[in-house]
């Protein structure tokens, strides 16, 4: 299972946050709990979208390799 880092802070009554390891995954919510939920949903969507994009570009007859970092 992969883990990710949420960077969060409160600004003017709103909670804002980003996922450190994935560009473009960010959210803003009124509570910290809602922010973390939104970040998780947005991260899952971004990973799935990136996967679909990669597979659509590769065409057919390809290999998928699992990599541990």
Protein backbone atom coordinates (compact mmCIF):
# COMPACT_ATOMS: atom_id res chain seq x y z
CA UNK A 1 0.00 0.00 0.00
CA UNK A 2 1.30 3.41 -0.98
CA UNK A 3 1.21 6.25 1.53
CA UNK A 4 1.00 9.95 0.74
CA UNK A 5 1.62 13.13 2.71
CA UNK A 6 -1.13 15.70 3.22
CA UNK A 7 0.15 19.21 3.96
CA UNK A 8 -2.62 21.22 5.64
CA UNK A 9 -3.14 24.59 7.23
CA UNK A 10 -5.96 26.83 8.38
CA UNK A 11 -6.32 30.21 6.68
CA UNK A 12 -9.10 32.70 7.44
CA UNK A 13 -11.33 30.00 8.90
CA UNK A 14 -10.84 27.55 6.01
CA UNK A 15 -8.69 24.43 5.93
CA UNK A 16 -6.55 24.12 2.80
CA UNK A 17 -4.30 21.26 1.84
CA UNK A 18 -2.22 19.51 -0.78
CA UNK A 19 -0.86 16.05 -1.38
CA UNK A 20 2.90 16.53 -1.40
CA UNK A 21 3.72 13.71 -3.82
CA UNK A 22 1.11 14.37 -6.54
CA UNK A 23 0.91 17.71 -8.33
CA UNK A 24 -2.56 19.17 -8.66
CA UNK A 25 -4.15 17.32 -5.75
CA UNK A 26 -5.45 20.01 -3.43
CA UNK A 27 -8.65 20.97 -1.65
CA UNK A 28 -10.30 23.52 0.62
CA UNK A 29 -12.93 22.74 3.26
CA UNK A 30 -14.45 24.30 6.36
CA UNK A 31 -13.15 21.56 8.71
CA UNK A 32 -9.91 19.61 8.88
CA UNK A 33 -11.78 16.29 8.78
CA UNK A 34 -13.67 17.30 5.62
CA UNK A 35 -10.42 18.48 4.07
CA UNK A 36 -8.70 15.14 4.65
CA UNK A 37 -11.69 13.31 3.14
CA UNK A 38 -11.68 15.61 0.10
CA UNK A 39 -7.95 15.13 -0.37
CA UNK A 40 -8.36 11.34 -0.24
CA UNK A 41 -11.15 11.40 -2.84
CA UNK A 42 -9.24 13.82 -5.08
CA UNK A 43 -6.07 11.72 -4.81
CA UNK A 44 -7.91 8.52 -5.79
CA UNK A 45 -9.50 10.29 -8.75
CA UNK A 46 -6.15 11.73 -9.90
CA UNK A 47 -4.40 8.36 -9.69
CA UNK A 48 -7.18 6.66 -11.67
CA UNK A 49 -7.21 9.42 -14.28
CA UNK A 50 -3.41 9.21 -14.65
CA UNK A 51 -3.65 5.43 -15.00
CA UNK A 52 -6.35 5.68 -17.69
CA UNK A 53 -4.30 8.31 -19.55
CA UNK A 54 -1.15 6.16 -19.44
CA UNK A 55 -2.99 3.07 -20.68
CA UNK A 56 -4.70 4.97 -23.48
CA UNK A 57 -1.35 6.27 -24.73
CA UNK A 58 0.45 2.92 -24.65
CA UNK A 59 -1.94 1.16 -27.02
CA UNK A 60 -1.84 -2.63 -27.06
CA UNK A 61 0.69 -5.32 -26.18
CA UNK A 62 2.24 -3.71 -23.15
CA UNK A 63 3.59 -4.85 -19.79
CA UNK A 64 2.61 -3.50 -16.39
CA UNK A 65 5.36 -3.67 -13.75
CA UNK A 66 4.83 -3.04 -10.02
CA UNK A 67 7.55 -0.88 -8.52
CA UNK A 68 8.34 -0.34 -4.87
CA UNK A 69 10.14 2.86 -3.97
